[in-house]
């Protein structure tokens, strides 16, 4: 993927991340347990960029999760974080 990730490219990567998380029993249990989601919620969320951003938020919590995902899908290790920044909700908040 290019250095500057487009929102469309970010969604594709996030869908891969969702599939990766759902396909790994330990990750799926951790994600659904921490979020309170069901398998049906995962399927419904696949079309929602905000939900996909939450998948990347989860995945990027641990380096070994990022590395396993990137190794499995041929992405550089910074791709999930770059994708996260291209999706809604990553804007910097200015409190002043």
PDB file of N, CA and C in Angstrom:
ATOM      1  N   UNK A   1       0.841  -1.177   0.000  1.00  0.00           N
ATOM      2  CA  UNK A   1       0.000   0.000   0.000  1.00  0.00           C
ATOM      3  C   UNK A   1       0.889   1.244   0.000  1.00  0.00           C
ATOM      4  N   UNK A   2       0.347   2.268  -0.569  1.00  0.00           N
ATOM      5  CA  UNK A   2       1.084   3.523  -0.663  1.00  0.00           C
ATOM      6  C   UNK A   2       1.255   4.136   0.720  1.00  0.00           C
ATOM      7  N   UNK A   3       2.236   5.022   0.804  1.00  0.00           N
ATOM      8  CA  UNK A   3       2.518   5.700   2.067  1.00  0.00           C
ATOM      9  C   UNK A   3       1.307   6.487   2.553  1.00  0.00           C
ATOM     10  N   UNK A   4       0.664   7.239   1.638  1.00  0.00           N
ATOM     11  CA  UNK A   4      -0.555   7.967   1.986  1.00  0.00           C
ATOM     12  C   UNK A   4      -1.734   7.060   1.687  1.00  0.00           C
ATOM     13  N   UNK A   5      -2.449   6.672   2.710  1.00  0.00           N
ATOM     14  CA  UNK A   5      -3.549   5.741   2.537  1.00  0.00           C
ATOM     15  C   UNK A   5      -4.845   6.506   2.295  1.00  0.00           C
ATOM     16  N   UNK A   6      -5.575   6.077   1.301  1.00  0.00           N
ATOM     17  CA  UNK A   6      -6.883   6.664   1.017  1.00  0.00           C
ATOM     18  C   UNK A   6      -7.918   6.033   1.939  1.00  0.00           C
ATOM     19  N   UNK A   7      -9.047   6.699   2.135  1.00  0.00           N
ATOM     20  CA  UNK A   7     -10.109   6.078   2.928  1.00  0.00           C
ATOM     21  C   UNK A   7     -10.566   4.736   2.341  1.00  0.00           C
ATOM     22  N   UNK A   8     -10.643   4.628   1.026  1.00  0.00           N
ATOM     23  CA  UNK A   8     -11.040   3.354   0.417  1.00  0.00           C
ATOM     24  C   UNK A   8     -10.014   2.264   0.700  1.00  0.00           C
ATOM     25  N   UNK A   9      -8.730   2.596   0.559  1.00  0.00           N
ATOM     26  CA  UNK A   9      -7.674   1.631   0.865  1.00  0.00           C
ATOM     27  C   UNK A   9      -7.688   1.243   2.330  1.00  0.00           C
ATOM     28  N   UNK A  10      -7.988   2.210   3.182  1.00  0.00           N
ATOM     29  CA  UNK A  10      -8.055   1.944   4.615  1.00  0.00           C
ATOM     30  C   UNK A  10      -9.203   0.992   4.935  1.00  0.00           C
ATOM     31  N   UNK A  11     -10.325   1.164   4.259  1.00  0.00           N
ATOM     32  CA  UNK A  11     -11.455   0.263   4.489  1.00  0.00           C
ATOM     33  C   UNK A  11     -11.134  -1.155   4.052  1.00  0.00           C
ATOM     34  N   UNK A  12     -10.442  -1.294   2.927  1.00  0.00           N
ATOM     35  CA  UNK A  12     -10.046  -2.629   2.460  1.00  0.00           C
ATOM     36  C   UNK A  12      -9.134  -3.291   3.495  1.00  0.00           C
ATOM     37  N   UNK A  13      -8.143  -2.558   3.973  1.00  0.00           N
ATOM     38  CA  UNK A  13      -7.235  -3.105   4.973  1.00  0.00           C
ATOM     39  C   UNK A  13      -7.994  -3.437   6.258  1.00  0.00           C
ATOM     40  N   UNK A  14      -8.921  -2.583   6.653  1.00  0.00           N
ATOM     41  CA  UNK A  14      -9.692  -2.830   7.872  1.00  0.00           C
ATOM     42  C   UNK A  14     -10.593  -4.053   7.721  1.00  0.00           C
ATOM     43  N   UNK A  15     -11.123  -4.270   6.531  1.00  0.00           N
ATOM     44  CA  UNK A  15     -11.904  -5.486   6.289  1.00  0.00           C
ATOM     45  C   UNK A  15     -11.020  -6.726   6.405  1.00  0.00           C
ATOM     46  N   UNK A  16      -9.802  -6.622   5.913  1.00  0.00           N
ATOM     47  CA  UNK A  16      -8.850  -7.724   6.081  1.00  0.00           C
ATOM     48  C   UNK A  16      -8.575  -7.950   7.569  1.00  0.00           C
ATOM     49  N   UNK A  17      -8.437  -6.857   8.300  1.00  0.00           N
ATOM     50  CA  UNK A  17      -8.190  -6.965   9.747  1.00  0.00           C
ATOM     51  C   UNK A  17      -9.383  -7.605  10.448  1.00  0.00           C
ATOM     52  N   UNK A  18     -10.591  -7.233  10.059  1.00  0.00           N
ATOM     53  CA  UNK A  18     -11.789  -7.824  10.645  1.00  0.00           C
ATOM     54  C   UNK A  18     -11.813  -9.331  10.377  1.00  0.00           C
ATOM     55  N   UNK A  19     -11.518  -9.719   9.154  1.00  0.00           N
ATOM     56  CA  UNK A  19     -11.474 -11.133   8.800  1.00  0.00           C
ATOM     57  C   UNK A  19     -10.399 -11.853   9.606  1.00  0.00           C
ATOM     58  N   UNK A  20      -9.260 -11.208   9.765  1.00  0.00           N
ATOM     59  CA  UNK A  20      -8.148 -11.783  10.535  1.00  0.00           C
ATOM     60  C   UNK A  20      -8.552 -11.977  11.997  1.00  0.00           C
ATOM     61  N   UNK A  21      -9.143 -10.960  12.586  1.00  0.00           N
ATOM     62  CA  UNK A  21      -9.566 -11.037  13.988  1.00  0.00           C
ATOM     63  C   UNK A  21     -10.644 -12.110  14.147  1.00  0.00           C
ATOM     64  N   UNK A  22     -11.642 -12.103  13.264  1.00  0.00           N
ATOM     65  CA  UNK A  22     -12.735 -13.069  13.364  1.00  0.00           C
ATOM     66  C   UNK A  22     -12.254 -14.502  13.147  1.00  0.00           C
ATOM     67  N   UNK A  23     -11.193 -14.664  12.358  1.00  0.00           N
ATOM     68  CA  UNK A  23     -10.670 -15.990  12.064  1.00  0.00           C
ATOM     69  C   UNK A  23      -9.720 -16.543  13.101  1.00  0.00           C
ATOM     70  N   UNK A  24      -9.339 -15.734  14.058  1.00  0.00           N
ATOM     71  CA  UNK A  24      -8.438 -16.178  15.127  1.00  0.00           C
ATOM     72  C   UNK A  24      -9.265 -16.278  16.412  1.00  0.00           C
ATOM     73  N   UNK A  25      -9.495 -17.490  16.907  1.00  0.00           N
ATOM     74  CA  UNK A  25     -10.378 -17.639  18.074  1.00  0.00           C
ATOM     75  C   UNK A  25      -9.981 -16.782  19.277  1.00  0.00           C
ATOM     76  N   UNK A  26      -8.682 -16.664  19.554  1.00  0.00           N
ATOM     77  CA  UNK A  26      -8.255 -15.861  20.709  1.00  0.00           C
ATOM     78  C   UNK A  26      -8.519 -14.375  20.490  1.00  0.00           C
ATOM     79  N   UNK A  27      -8.190 -13.885  19.283  1.00  0.00           N
ATOM     80  CA  UNK A  27      -8.450 -12.468  18.992  1.00  0.00           C
ATOM     81  C   UNK A  27      -9.942 -12.181  18.952  1.00  0.00           C
ATOM     82  N   UNK A  28     -10.702 -13.074  18.329  1.00  0.00           N
ATOM     83  CA  UNK A  28     -12.147 -12.872  18.242  1.00  0.00           C
ATOM     84  C   UNK A  28     -12.763 -12.806  19.627  1.00  0.00           C
ATOM     85  N   UNK A  29     -12.344 -13.713  20.502  1.00  0.00           N
ATOM     86  CA  UNK A  29     -12.872 -13.705  21.869  1.00  0.00           C
ATOM     87  C   UNK A  29     -12.498 -12.417  22.596  1.00  0.00           C
ATOM     88  N   UNK A  30     -11.258 -11.976  22.430  1.00  0.00           N
ATOM     89  CA  UNK A  30     -10.821 -10.736  23.085  1.00  0.00           C
ATOM     90  C   UNK A  30     -11.579  -9.529  22.543  1.00  0.00           C
ATOM     91  N   UNK A  31     -11.749  -9.468  21.229  1.00  0.00           N
ATOM     92  CA  UNK A  31     -12.440  -8.331  20.624  1.00  0.00           C
ATOM     93  C   UNK A  31     -13.912  -8.307  21.021  1.00  0.00           C
ATOM     94  N   UNK A  32     -14.576  -9.443  20.871  1.00  0.00           N
ATOM     95  CA  UNK A  32     -16.001  -9.476  21.205  1.00  0.00           C
ATOM     96  C   UNK A  32     -16.218  -9.327  22.703  1.00  0.00           C
ATOM     97  N   UNK A  33     -15.319  -9.886  23.495  1.00  0.00           N
ATOM     98  CA  UNK A  33     -15.455  -9.762  24.947  1.00  0.00           C
ATOM     99  C   UNK A  33     -15.269  -8.338  25.438  1.00  0.00           C
ATOM    100  N   UNK A  34     -14.305  -7.636  24.845  1.00  0.00           N
ATOM    101  CA  UNK A  34     -14.049  -6.259  25.289  1.00  0.00           C
ATOM    102  C   UNK A  34     -15.070  -5.270  24.751  1.00  0.00           C
ATOM    103  N   UNK A  35     -15.716  -5.626  23.643  1.00  0.00           N
ATOM    104  CA  UNK A  35     -16.665  -4.704  23.023  1.00  0.00           C
ATOM    105  C   UNK A  35     -18.123  -5.077  23.272  1.00  0.00           C
ATOM    106  N   UNK A  36     -18.361  -6.320  23.706  1.00  0.00           N
ATOM    107  CA  UNK A  36     -19.724  -6.774  23.922  1.00  0.00           C
ATOM    108  C   UNK A  36     -20.452  -7.122  22.632  1.00  0.00           C
ATOM    109  N   UNK A  37     -19.710  -7.304  21.549  1.00  0.00           N
ATOM    110  CA  UNK A  37     -20.317  -7.596  20.255  1.00  0.00           C
ATOM    111  C   UNK A  37     -20.542  -9.094  20.062  1.00  0.00           C
ATOM    112  N   UNK A  38     -21.503  -9.407  19.211  1.00  0.00           N
ATOM    113  CA  UNK A  38     -21.777 -10.788  18.826  1.00  0.00           C
ATOM    114  C   UNK A  38     -21.229 -11.022  17.419  1.00  0.00           C
ATOM    115  N   UNK A  39     -21.158 -12.284  16.987  1.00  0.00           N
ATOM    116  CA  UNK A  39     -20.745 -12.539  15.599  1.00  0.00           C
ATOM    117  C   UNK A  39     -21.633 -11.815  14.575  1.00  0.00           C
ATOM    118  N   UNK A  40     -22.922 -11.723  14.851  1.00  0.00           N
ATOM    119  CA  UNK A  40     -23.812 -10.985  13.944  1.00  0.00           C
ATOM    120  C   UNK A  40     -23.443  -9.505  13.888  1.00  0.00           C
ATOM    121  N   UNK A  41     -23.056  -8.950  15.028  1.00  0.00           N
ATOM    122  CA  UNK A  41     -22.623  -7.547  15.053  1.00  0.00           C
ATOM    123  C   UNK A  41     -21.386  -7.354  14.175  1.00  0.00           C
ATOM    124  N   UNK A  42     -20.476  -8.322  14.186  1.00  0.00           N
ATOM    125  CA  UNK A  42     -19.278  -8.230  13.352  1.00  0.00           C
ATOM    126  C   UNK A  42     -19.664  -8.191  11.881  1.00  0.00           C
ATOM    127  N   UNK A  43     -20.568  -9.049  11.483  1.00  0.00           N
ATOM    128  CA  UNK A  43     -21.009  -9.065  10.076  1.00  0.00           C
ATOM    129  C   UNK A  43     -21.686  -7.750   9.698  1.00  0.00           C
ATOM    130  N   UNK A  44     -22.552  -7.263  10.563  1.00  0.00           N
ATOM    131  CA  UNK A  44     -23.250  -5.999  10.276  1.00  0.00           C
ATOM    132  C   UNK A  44     -22.281  -4.820  10.228  1.00  0.00           C
ATOM    133  N   UNK A  45     -21.261  -4.853  11.053  1.00  0.00           N
ATOM    134  CA  UNK A  45     -20.320  -3.742  11.128  1.00  0.00           C
ATOM    135  C   UNK A  45     -19.361  -3.650   9.958  1.00  0.00           C
ATOM    136  N   UNK A  46     -19.267  -4.694   9.158  1.00  0.00           N
ATOM    137  CA  UNK A  46     -18.290  -4.731   8.066  1.00  0.00           C
ATOM    138  C   UNK A  46     -18.466  -3.607   7.052  1.00  0.00           C
ATOM    139  N   UNK A  47     -19.656  -3.053   6.947  1.00  0.00           N
ATOM    140  CA  UNK A  47     -19.889  -1.970   5.996  1.00  0.00           C
ATOM    141  C   UNK A  47     -19.798  -0.578   6.597  1.00  0.00           C
ATOM    142  N   UNK A  48     -19.446  -0.491   7.859  1.00  0.00           N
ATOM    143  CA  UNK A  48     -19.429   0.790   8.568  1.00  0.00           C
ATOM    144  C   UNK A  48     -17.987   1.232   8.836  1.00  0.00           C
ATOM    145  N   UNK A  49     -17.542   2.328   8.213  1.00  0.00           N
ATOM    146  CA  UNK A  49     -16.165   2.783   8.412  1.00  0.00           C
ATOM    147  C   UNK A  49     -15.814   3.055   9.881  1.00  0.00           C
ATOM    148  N   UNK A  50     -16.770   3.491  10.666  1.00  0.00           N
ATOM    149  CA  UNK A  50     -16.498   3.755  12.086  1.00  0.00           C
ATOM    150  C   UNK A  50     -16.267   2.440  12.826  1.00  0.00           C
ATOM    151  N   UNK A  51     -17.058   1.434  12.514  1.00  0.00           N
ATOM    152  CA  UNK A  51     -16.838   0.116  13.108  1.00  0.00           C
ATOM    153  C   UNK A  51     -15.483  -0.437  12.678  1.00  0.00           C
ATOM    154  N   UNK A  52     -15.162  -0.311  11.391  1.00  0.00           N
ATOM    155  CA  UNK A  52     -13.875  -0.800  10.893  1.00  0.00           C
ATOM    156  C   UNK A  52     -12.717  -0.096  11.595  1.00  0.00           C
ATOM    157  N   UNK A  53     -12.889   1.186  11.890  1.00  0.00           N
ATOM    158  CA  UNK A  53     -11.863   1.915  12.644  1.00  0.00           C
ATOM    159  C   UNK A  53     -11.684   1.299  14.025  1.00  0.00           C
ATOM    160  N   UNK A  54     -12.788   0.859  14.634  1.00  0.00           N
ATOM    161  CA  UNK A  54     -12.688   0.248  15.961  1.00  0.00           C
ATOM    162  C   UNK A  54     -11.933  -1.080  15.899  1.00  0.00           C
ATOM    163  N   UNK A  55     -12.071  -1.796  14.786  1.00  0.00           N
ATOM    164  CA  UNK A  55     -11.314  -3.040  14.614  1.00  0.00           C
ATOM    165  C   UNK A  55      -9.818  -2.722  14.590  1.00  0.00           C
ATOM    166  N   UNK A  56      -9.453  -1.672  13.857  1.00  0.00           N
ATOM    167  CA  UNK A  56      -8.041  -1.279  13.806  1.00  0.00           C
ATOM    168  C   UNK A  56      -7.562  -0.752  15.153  1.00  0.00           C
ATOM    169  N   UNK A  57      -8.413  -0.036  15.865  1.00  0.00           N
ATOM    170  CA  UNK A  57      -8.053   0.409  17.218  1.00  0.00           C
ATOM    171  C   UNK A  57      -7.720  -0.805  18.086  1.00  0.00           C
ATOM    172  N   UNK A  58      -8.540  -1.832  17.987  1.00  0.00           N
ATOM    173  CA  UNK A  58      -8.300  -3.053  18.762  1.00  0.00           C
ATOM    174  C   UNK A  58      -6.996  -3.723  18.325  1.00  0.00           C
ATOM    175  N   UNK A  59      -6.853  -3.938  17.028  1.00  0.00           N
ATOM    176  CA  UNK A  59      -5.699  -4.666  16.512  1.00  0.00           C
ATOM    177  C   UNK A  59      -4.386  -3.985  16.868  1.00  0.00           C
ATOM    178  N   UNK A  60      -4.366  -2.661  16.843  1.00  0.00           N
ATOM    179  CA  UNK A  60      -3.122  -1.931  17.081  1.00  0.00           C
ATOM    180  C   UNK A  60      -2.778  -1.780  18.568  1.00  0.00           C
ATOM    181  N   UNK A  61      -3.533  -2.422  19.429  1.00  0.00           N
ATOM    182  CA  UNK A  61      -3.215  -2.381  20.854  1.00  0.00           C
ATOM    183  C   UNK A  61      -1.957  -3.179  21.203  1.00  0.00           C
ATOM    184  N   UNK A  62      -1.649  -4.188  20.388  1.00  0.00           N
ATOM    185  CA  UNK A  62      -0.505  -5.035  20.718  1.00  0.00           C
ATOM    186  C   UNK A  62       0.343  -5.264  19.474  1.00  0.00           C
ATOM    187  N   UNK A  63       1.635  -5.065  19.635  1.00  0.00           N
ATOM    188  CA  UNK A  63       2.557  -5.216  18.506  1.00  0.00           C
ATOM    189  C   UNK A  63       2.502  -6.605  17.888  1.00  0.00           C
ATOM    190  N   UNK A  64       2.384  -7.636  18.714  1.00  0.00           N
ATOM    191  CA  UNK A  64       2.381  -8.987  18.144  1.00  0.00           C
ATOM    192  C   UNK A  64       1.127  -9.237  17.309  1.00  0.00           C
ATOM    193  N   UNK A  65       0.008  -8.620  17.653  1.00  0.00           N
ATOM    194  CA  UNK A  65      -1.200  -8.743  16.832  1.00  0.00           C
ATOM    195  C   UNK A  65      -0.979  -8.058  15.484  1.00  0.00           C
ATOM    196  N   UNK A  66      -0.389  -6.868  15.518  1.00  0.00           N
ATOM    197  CA  UNK A  66      -0.107  -6.124  14.282  1.00  0.00           C
ATOM    198  C   UNK A  66       0.844  -6.921  13.399  1.00  0.00           C
ATOM    199  N   UNK A  67       1.898  -7.423  13.991  1.00  0.00           N
ATOM    200  CA  UNK A  67       2.894  -8.156  13.210  1.00  0.00           C
ATOM    201  C   UNK A  67       2.293  -9.420  12.591  1.00  0.00           C
ATOM    202  N   UNK A  68       1.491 -10.155  13.344  1.00  0.00           N
ATOM    203  CA  UNK A  68       0.875 -11.371  12.807  1.00  0.00           C
ATOM    204  C   UNK A  68      -0.064 -11.032  11.649  1.00  0.00           C
ATOM    205  N   UNK A  69      -0.859  -9.987  11.810  1.00  0.00           N
ATOM    206  CA  UNK A  69      -1.765  -9.570  10.744  1.00  0.00           C
ATOM    207  C   UNK A  69      -0.985  -9.147   9.501  1.00  0.00           C
ATOM    208  N   UNK A  70      -0.012  -8.294   9.688  1.00  0.00           N
ATOM    209  CA  UNK A  70       0.766  -7.784   8.550  1.00  0.00           C
ATOM    210  C   UNK A  70       1.546  -8.902   7.860  1.00  0.00           C
ATOM    211  N   UNK A  71       2.131  -9.791   8.620  1.00  0.00           N
ATOM    212  CA  UNK A  71       2.848 -10.921   8.029  1.00  0.00           C
ATOM    213  C   UNK A  71       1.899 -11.800   7.220  1.00  0.00           C
ATOM    214  N   UNK A  72       0.699 -12.018   7.728  1.00  0.00           N
ATOM    215  CA  UNK A  72      -0.276 -12.875   7.045  1.00  0.00           C
ATOM    216  C   UNK A  72      -0.802 -12.255   5.760  1.00  0.00           C
ATOM    217  N   UNK A  73      -0.823 -10.918   5.698  1.00  0.00           N
ATOM    218  CA  UNK A  73      -1.442 -10.242   4.555  1.00  0.00           C
ATOM    219  C   UNK A  73      -0.458  -9.445   3.705  1.00  0.00           C
ATOM    220  N   UNK A  74       0.821  -9.514   4.039  1.00  0.00           N
ATOM    221  CA  UNK A  74       1.835  -8.852   3.227  1.00  0.00           C
ATOM    222  C   UNK A  74       1.858  -7.341   3.330  1.00  0.00           C
ATOM    223  N   UNK A  75       1.465  -6.821   4.482  1.00  0.00           N
ATOM    224  CA  UNK A  75       1.469  -5.372   4.698  1.00  0.00           C
ATOM    225  C   UNK A  75       2.694  -4.963   5.510  1.00  0.00           C
ATOM    226  N   UNK A  76       3.177  -3.746   5.302  1.00  0.00           N
ATOM    227  CA  UNK A  76       4.207  -3.235   6.217  1.00  0.00           C
ATOM    228  C   UNK A  76       3.586  -3.046   7.604  1.00  0.00           C
ATOM    229  N   UNK A  77       4.427  -3.096   8.619  1.00  0.00           N
ATOM    230  CA  UNK A  77       3.923  -3.054   9.988  1.00  0.00           C
ATOM    231  C   UNK A  77       3.208  -1.752  10.354  1.00  0.00           C
ATOM    232  N   UNK A  78       3.441  -0.691   9.612  1.00  0.00           N
ATOM    233  CA  UNK A  78       2.756   0.563   9.940  1.00  0.00           C
ATOM    234  C   UNK A  78       1.419   0.711   9.204  1.00  0.00           C
ATOM    235  N   UNK A  79       1.068  -0.241   8.358  1.00  0.00           N
ATOM    236  CA  UNK A  79      -0.158  -0.126   7.551  1.00  0.00           C
ATOM    237  C   UNK A  79      -1.434  -0.037   8.394  1.00  0.00           C
ATOM    238  N   UNK A  80      -1.612  -0.856   9.445  1.00  0.00           N
ATOM    239  CA  UNK A  80      -2.852  -0.720  10.216  1.00  0.00           C
ATOM    240  C   UNK A  80      -3.022   0.660  10.854  1.00  0.00           C
ATOM    241  N   UNK A  81      -1.945   1.224  11.338  1.00  0.00           N
ATOM    242  CA  UNK A  81      -2.051   2.553  11.945  1.00  0.00           C
ATOM    243  C   UNK A  81      -2.314   3.627  10.889  1.00  0.00           C
ATOM    244  N   UNK A  82      -1.662   3.500   9.731  1.00  0.00           N
ATOM    245  CA  UNK A  82      -1.939   4.454   8.651  1.00  0.00           C
ATOM    246  C   UNK A  82      -3.387   4.331   8.193  1.00  0.00           C
ATOM    247  N   UNK A  83      -3.892   3.114   8.129  1.00  0.00           N
ATOM    248  CA  UNK A  83      -5.296   2.913   7.751  1.00  0.00           C
ATOM    249  C   UNK A  83      -6.207   3.535   8.799  1.00  0.00           C
ATOM    250  N   UNK A  84      -5.866   3.347  10.060  1.00  0.00           N
ATOM    251  CA  UNK A  84      -6.699   3.911  11.130  1.00  0.00           C
ATOM    252  C   UNK A  84      -6.791   5.425  11.008  1.00  0.00           C
ATOM    253  N   UNK A  85      -5.694   6.055  10.652  1.00  0.00           N
ATOM    254  CA  UNK A  85      -5.701   7.516  10.529  1.00  0.00           C
ATOM    255  C   UNK A  85      -6.479   7.993   9.305  1.00  0.00           C
ATOM    256  N   UNK A  86      -6.735   7.120   8.353  1.00  0.00           N
ATOM    257  CA  UNK A  86      -7.494   7.487   7.156  1.00  0.00           C
ATOM    258  C   UNK A  86      -8.996   7.268   7.331  1.00  0.00           C
ATOM    259  N   UNK A  87      -9.391   6.660   8.443  1.00  0.00           N
ATOM    260  CA  UNK A  87     -10.808   6.394   8.701  1.00  0.00           C
ATOM    261  C   UNK A  87     -11.379   7.416   9.686  1.00  0.00           C
ATOM    262  N   UNK A  88     -12.707   7.511   9.750  1.00  0.00           N
ATOM    263  CA  UNK A  88     -13.336   8.488  10.650  1.00  0.00           C
ATOM    264  C   UNK A  88     -12.950   8.279  12.107  1.00  0.00           C
ATOM    265  N   UNK A  89     -12.865   9.395  12.824  1.00  0.00           N
ATOM    266  CA  UNK A  89     -12.612   9.345  14.254  1.00  0.00           C
ATOM    267  C   UNK A  89     -11.173   9.523  14.660  1.00  0.00           C
ATOM    268  N   UNK A  90     -10.286   9.682  13.693  1.00  0.00           N
ATOM    269  CA  UNK A  90      -8.880   9.829  14.064  1.00  0.00           C
ATOM    270  C   UNK A  90      -8.427  11.284  14.063  1.00  0.00           C
ATOM    271  N   UNK A  91      -9.353  12.169  13.805  1.00  0.00           N
ATOM    272  CA  UNK A  91      -9.005  13.577  13.759  1.00  0.00           C
ATOM    273  C   UNK A  91      -8.535  14.047  15.137  1.00  0.00           C
ATOM    274  N   UNK A  92      -7.568  14.913  15.122  1.00  0.00           N
ATOM    275  CA  UNK A  92      -7.039  15.456  16.374  1.00  0.00           C
ATOM    276  C   UNK A  92      -8.039  16.444  16.950  1.00  0.00           C
ATOM    277  N   UNK A  93      -8.318  16.320  18.223  1.00  0.00           N
ATOM    278  CA  UNK A  93      -9.252  17.223  18.895  1.00  0.00           C
ATOM    279  C   UNK A  93      -8.497  18.462  19.374  1.00  0.00           C
ATOM    280  N   UNK A  94      -9.042  19.619  19.054  1.00  0.00           N
ATOM    281  CA  UNK A  94      -8.478  20.887  19.535  1.00  0.00           C
ATOM    282  C   UNK A  94      -9.426  21.442  20.584  1.00  0.00           C
ATOM    283  N   UNK A  95      -8.955  21.498  21.806  1.00  0.00           N
ATOM    284  CA  UNK A  95      -9.804  21.898  22.911  1.00  0.00           C
ATOM    285  C   UNK A  95      -9.847  23.399  23.112  1.00  0.00           C
ATOM    286  N   UNK A  96      -9.079  24.146  22.347  1.00  0.00           N
ATOM    287  CA  UNK A  96      -9.097  25.603  22.518  1.00  0.00           C
ATOM    288  C   UNK A  96      -9.762  26.278  21.364  1.00  0.00           C
TER     289      UNK A  96
END
